Protein backbone atom coordinates (compact mmCIF):
# COMPACT_ATOMS: atom_id res chain seq x y z
CA UNK A 1 -24.95 -3.73 -18.83
CA UNK A 2 -22.76 -6.63 -17.73
CA UNK A 3 -19.59 -5.96 -15.77
CA UNK A 4 -16.51 -7.95 -16.77
CA UNK A 5 -13.68 -8.27 -14.24
CA UNK A 6 -10.24 -9.54 -15.22
CA UNK A 7 -9.16 -11.80 -12.38
CA UNK A 8 -6.87 -14.44 -13.90
CA UNK A 9 -3.31 -13.14 -13.49
CA UNK A 10 -0.60 -14.49 -11.19
CA UNK A 11 -0.10 -11.31 -9.13
CA UNK A 12 3.63 -11.91 -8.78
CA UNK A 13 4.37 -8.47 -7.34
CA UNK A 14 2.30 -9.25 -4.28
CA UNK A 15 3.49 -12.84 -3.95
CA UNK A 16 3.33 -12.67 -0.14
CA UNK A 17 -0.36 -13.48 -0.52
CA UNK A 18 -0.89 -14.38 -4.18
CA UNK A 19 0.87 -17.74 -3.74
CA UNK A 20 -2.27 -18.77 -1.85
CA UNK A 21 -4.99 -17.04 -3.88
CA UNK A 22 -5.49 -14.92 -7.02
CA UNK A 23 -4.70 -11.25 -6.43
CA UNK A 24 -8.34 -10.09 -6.74
CA UNK A 25 -9.15 -12.36 -3.79
CA UNK A 26 -6.60 -10.73 -1.47
CA UNK A 27 -8.58 -9.15 1.34
CA UNK A 28 -8.82 -5.58 2.53
CA UNK A 29 -11.03 -4.97 5.55
CA UNK A 30 -11.89 -8.69 5.60
CA UNK A 31 -13.25 -8.85 2.05
CA UNK A 32 -11.53 -9.55 -1.29
CA UNK A 33 -10.65 -6.39 -3.22
CA UNK A 34 -12.76 -7.77 -6.08
CA UNK A 35 -15.76 -7.76 -3.72
CA UNK A 36 -15.12 -4.06 -3.06
CA UNK A 37 -15.08 -3.42 -6.83
CA UNK A 38 -18.33 -5.34 -7.27
CA UNK A 39 -19.99 -3.48 -4.40
CA UNK A 40 -19.01 -0.20 -6.04
CA UNK A 41 -20.54 -1.16 -9.40
CA UNK A 42 -23.57 -2.50 -7.54
CA UNK A 43 -24.10 0.91 -5.94
CA UNK A 44 -24.77 2.22 -9.48
CA UNK A 45 -27.27 -0.56 -10.14
CA UNK A 46 -25.04 -3.00 -12.04
CA UNK A 47 -25.59 -6.51 -10.65
CA UNK A 48 -24.56 -8.86 -13.48
CA UNK A 49 -20.88 -9.82 -13.32
CA UNK A 50 -18.63 -11.98 -15.48
CA UNK A 51 -15.37 -12.97 -13.76
CA UNK A 52 -12.48 -13.97 -16.03
CA UNK A 53 -10.76 -16.62 -13.92
CA UNK A 54 -7.34 -18.17 -14.42
CA UNK A 55 -4.72 -18.65 -11.73
CA UNK A 56 -6.34 -20.41 -8.75
CA UNK A 57 -9.76 -19.65 -10.18
CA UNK A 58 -11.29 -22.27 -7.91
CA UNK A 59 -10.75 -19.88 -4.98
CA UNK A 60 -13.08 -17.37 -6.66
CA UNK A 61 -15.67 -20.06 -7.42
CA UNK A 62 -15.58 -21.37 -3.86
CA UNK A 63 -16.00 -17.85 -2.47
CA UNK A 64 -19.25 -17.34 -4.36
CA UNK A 65 -20.40 -20.94 -3.80
CA UNK A 66 -20.25 -20.31 -0.04
CA UNK A 67 -21.27 -16.65 -0.19
CA UNK A 68 -24.93 -17.27 0.50
CA UNK A 69 -24.17 -19.26 3.67
CA UNK A 70 -21.58 -16.78 4.91
CA UNK A 71 -23.96 -13.83 4.61
CA UNK A 72 -27.14 -15.30 6.03
CA UNK A 73 -28.42 -16.67 9.33
CA UNK A 74 -28.93 -20.40 8.84
CA UNK A 75 -30.56 -23.18 10.83
CA UNK A 76 -29.20 -26.65 10.02
CA UNK A 77 -31.77 -29.28 10.96
CA UNK A 78 -29.52 -32.34 11.00
CA UNK A 79 -32.27 -34.62 12.29
CA UNK A 80 -34.47 -33.98 9.24
CA UNK A 81 -31.70 -33.11 6.78
CA UNK A 82 -33.07 -29.61 6.19
CA UNK A 83 -31.60 -26.14 5.89
CA UNK A 84 -33.59 -23.05 6.81
CA UNK A 85 -32.51 -19.53 5.83
CA UNK A 86 -33.58 -17.16 8.59
CA UNK A 87 -32.56 -14.06 6.69
CA UNK A 88 -30.63 -13.31 3.54
CA UNK A 89 -28.27 -10.35 3.46
CA UNK A 90 -26.58 -11.33 0.20
CA UNK A 91 -26.37 -8.85 -2.65
CA UNK A 92 -28.68 -9.37 -5.65
CA UNK A 93 -25.79 -10.32 -7.88
CA UNK A 94 -25.59 -12.70 -10.80
CA UNK A 95 -21.99 -13.89 -11.00
CA UNK A 96 -20.64 -15.95 -13.90
CA UNK A 97 -17.17 -17.36 -13.25
CA UNK A 98 -15.47 -18.35 -16.51
CA UNK A 99 -12.25 -20.36 -16.67
CA UNK A 100 -10.30 -18.36 -19.26
CA UNK A 101 -7.08 -20.36 -18.97
CA UNK A 102 -4.07 -20.41 -16.70
CA UNK A 103 -1.60 -18.60 -18.96
CA UNK A 104 -4.03 -16.69 -21.20
CA UNK A 105 -3.23 -13.02 -21.73
CA UNK A 106 -5.74 -10.25 -21.01
CA UNK A 107 -7.02 -9.97 -24.58
CA UNK A 108 -7.42 -13.72 -24.81
CA UNK A 109 -9.42 -13.76 -21.59
CA UNK A 110 -11.82 -11.14 -22.93
CA UNK A 111 -12.16 -13.07 -26.20
CA UNK A 112 -13.12 -16.20 -24.28
CA UNK A 113 -16.12 -14.54 -22.65
CA UNK A 114 -17.55 -13.21 -25.92
CA UNK A 115 -20.46 -15.67 -25.89
CA UNK A 116 -21.55 -14.34 -22.49
CA UNK A 117 -21.60 -10.75 -23.78
CA UNK A 118 -23.41 -11.10 -27.07
CA UNK A 119 -23.93 -7.93 -29.11
CA UNK A 120 -24.31 -5.50 -26.23
CA UNK A 121 -21.87 -2.91 -24.85
CA UNK A 122 -20.36 -3.87 -21.51
CA UNK A 123 -18.34 -2.51 -18.62
CA UNK A 124 -14.92 -3.88 -17.77
CA UNK A 125 -12.18 -3.33 -15.22
CA UNK A 126 -9.22 -5.02 -13.57
CA UNK A 127 -9.77 -7.01 -10.38
CA UNK A 128 -7.11 -5.19 -8.38
CA UNK A 129 -8.01 -1.48 -8.47
CA UNK A 130 -10.57 0.66 -6.66
CA UNK A 131 -11.78 4.17 -7.49
CA UNK A 132 -14.57 6.66 -6.88
CA UNK A 133 -15.12 7.26 -10.61
CA UNK A 134 -18.71 8.17 -11.50
CA UNK A 135 -19.80 5.13 -13.53
CA UNK A 136 -22.93 6.85 -14.86
CA UNK A 137 -20.93 9.86 -16.06
CA UNK A 138 -18.39 7.49 -17.63
CA UNK A 139 -21.14 5.73 -19.59
CA UNK A 140 -22.65 9.03 -20.71
CA UNK A 141 -19.22 10.24 -21.86
CA UNK A 142 -18.79 7.03 -23.84
CA UNK A 143 -22.14 7.43 -25.57
CA UNK A 144 -21.38 11.03 -26.52
CA UNK A 145 -17.91 10.17 -27.83
CA UNK A 146 -19.31 7.35 -30.00
CA UNK A 147 -16.08 5.34 -29.91
CA UNK A 148 -15.42 1.61 -29.66
CA UNK A 149 -13.90 1.88 -26.20
CA UNK A 150 -13.70 4.46 -23.43
CA UNK A 151 -11.31 3.94 -20.55
CA UNK A 152 -10.87 5.89 -17.35
CA UNK A 153 -7.67 7.93 -17.44
CA UNK A 154 -6.02 8.66 -14.09
CA UNK A 155 -2.79 10.33 -13.00
CA UNK A 156 -1.09 8.37 -10.18
CA UNK A 157 2.50 9.16 -11.14
CA UNK A 158 5.20 7.50 -13.20
CA UNK A 159 4.68 3.83 -12.43
CA UNK A 160 2.48 2.86 -15.35
CA UNK A 161 2.02 3.37 -19.08
CA UNK A 162 1.10 6.73 -20.55
CA UNK A 163 -1.73 7.95 -22.77
CA UNK A 164 -1.41 10.85 -25.22
CA UNK A 165 -4.72 12.74 -25.25
CA UNK A 166 -6.12 15.29 -27.67
CA UNK A 167 -8.05 18.39 -26.58
CA UNK A 168 -11.29 16.45 -27.00
CA UNK A 169 -9.94 13.57 -24.88
CA UNK A 170 -9.43 11.27 -27.85
CA UNK A 171 -6.54 8.92 -27.16
CA UNK A 172 -3.88 9.50 -29.82
CA UNK A 173 -1.43 6.85 -28.63
CA UNK A 174 -1.36 4.08 -26.06
CA UNK A 175 1.99 3.07 -24.61
CA UNK A 176 1.87 0.45 -21.89
CA UNK A 177 4.21 0.60 -18.90
CA UNK A 178 6.50 3.43 -19.97
CA UNK A 179 7.94 5.68 -17.27
CA UNK A 180 6.29 9.09 -17.56
CA UNK A 181 5.84 10.97 -14.27
CA UNK A 182 2.54 12.80 -14.06
CA UNK A 183 1.13 11.30 -17.28
CA UNK A 184 -2.39 10.00 -17.78
CA UNK A 185 -2.56 6.21 -17.51
CA UNK A 186 -5.09 3.45 -18.09
CA UNK A 187 -7.03 3.10 -14.84
CA UNK A 188 -9.47 0.46 -16.07
CA UNK A 189 -13.19 1.14 -15.50
CA UNK A 190 -13.97 0.88 -19.21
CA UNK A 191 -17.07 0.97 -21.40
CA UNK A 192 -16.66 -1.27 -24.44
CA UNK A 193 -18.69 -1.89 -27.57
CA UNK A 194 -19.02 -5.51 -28.78
CA UNK A 195 -16.95 -4.65 -31.86
CA UNK A 196 -13.90 -5.02 -29.62
CA UNK A 197 -13.94 -8.78 -30.18
CA UNK A 198 -12.90 -8.20 -33.79
CA UNK A 199 -9.54 -6.95 -32.51
CA UNK A 200 -8.85 -9.89 -30.19
CA UNK A 201 -7.05 -12.93 -31.56
CA UNK A 202 -6.14 -15.96 -29.47
CA UNK A 203 -4.95 -16.59 -25.94
CA UNK A 204 -1.63 -14.81 -26.53
CA UNK A 205 -3.37 -11.50 -27.28
CA UNK A 206 -2.42 -8.79 -24.79
CA UNK A 207 -5.35 -6.39 -24.61
CA UNK A 208 -3.20 -3.41 -23.61
CA UNK A 209 -0.89 -3.77 -26.60
CA UNK A 210 -2.05 -4.36 -30.17
CA UNK A 211 -5.84 -4.05 -29.61
CA UNK A 212 -5.70 -0.75 -27.74
CA UNK A 213 -2.81 0.56 -29.83
CA UNK A 214 -4.80 -0.23 -32.99
CA UNK A 215 -7.93 1.46 -31.66
CA UNK A 216 -5.89 4.52 -30.74
CA UNK A 217 -4.38 4.75 -34.23
CA UNK A 218 -7.90 4.52 -35.71
CA UNK A 219 -9.30 7.23 -33.44
CA UNK A 220 -11.61 4.71 -31.75
CA UNK A 221 -10.20 4.95 -28.23
CA UNK A 222 -11.58 7.58 -25.86
CA UNK A 223 -10.53 8.72 -22.39
CA UNK A 224 -12.71 9.74 -19.49
CA UNK A 225 -10.50 11.88 -17.27
CA UNK A 226 -10.94 11.08 -13.61
CA UNK A 227 -9.47 13.58 -11.16
CA UNK A 228 -10.63 11.78 -8.02
CA UNK A 229 -9.40 8.73 -6.15
CA UNK A 230 -7.84 5.71 -7.83
CA UNK A 231 -5.54 3.08 -6.38
CA UNK A 232 -4.43 -0.31 -7.61
CA UNK A 233 -3.13 -3.06 -5.34
CA UNK A 234 0.10 -4.20 -6.95
CA UNK A 235 2.19 -4.56 -3.79
CA UNK A 236 1.83 -5.09 -0.06
CA UNK A 237 2.49 -1.36 0.36
CA UNK A 238 -0.56 -0.66 -1.83
CA UNK A 239 -2.62 -3.11 0.24
CA UNK A 240 -1.56 -1.40 3.46
CA UNK A 241 -2.57 2.02 2.06
CA UNK A 242 -6.04 0.73 1.26
CA UNK A 243 -6.35 -0.94 4.66
CA UNK A 244 -5.48 2.32 6.43
CA UNK A 245 -8.11 4.24 4.45
CA UNK A 246 -10.72 1.68 5.46
CA UNK A 247 -9.62 1.72 9.10
CA UNK A 248 -10.01 5.51 9.20
CA UNK A 249 -13.36 5.35 7.41
CA UNK A 250 -11.80 7.47 4.65
CA UNK A 251 -12.08 5.02 1.73
CA UNK A 252 -13.57 7.04 -1.17
CA UNK A 253 -14.82 3.94 -2.99
CA UNK A 254 -16.80 2.64 -0.01
CA UNK A 255 -20.14 4.27 -0.78
CA UNK A 256 -22.24 1.58 0.93
CA UNK A 257 -23.09 1.14 4.62
């Protein structure tokens, strides 16, 4: 399955760094948070990524263009105009960076990468949040639920929008960015069937509004409850929290050496 990462927003709430780079490229422990997300998916065997670029998307493209050189020992033979790779420690990733527009909304960005997905289900998440969610269990839950979309529901407090869940974890309503302390919210880490593209219409389409609200009203939106770690990086305070976890070697999402 391909992994789609939304990485095109402005990141205005963390403008201290996002004026220089897209938010998913802001570093924690010396690597972009998006790299941490990719490493986590990679630990489950998913190596094919589609990055939805927008604001300062060239920074993302340049990162991967230079990635091979930055993660290998190289001999530059200037006399003979040759380059010799002494070892290659790069991950076995296939990364497709797609320019989905500067001001395109989330639904519009997903619509623009339809041709790279085809008729297969795919994984998707936001480029600014890390978690220790079990991706394999999430996929199995999605298959058993037989819905168009399954998203990971988390409970970080009253800063985000709330989900109303039935006893069988079917999402009855989706309300983005309402204040509801202790409620279940959309934590990303989704499994999506290709039928989702039928609900996306144009660059102004906000994925978290009409598409998800429509799916919820149709009974086609499922939740996978995650009781473990989840943290987004909306602010510098969030970034500092993640940095401290990494410094203490207590980062739950860092499952690689």
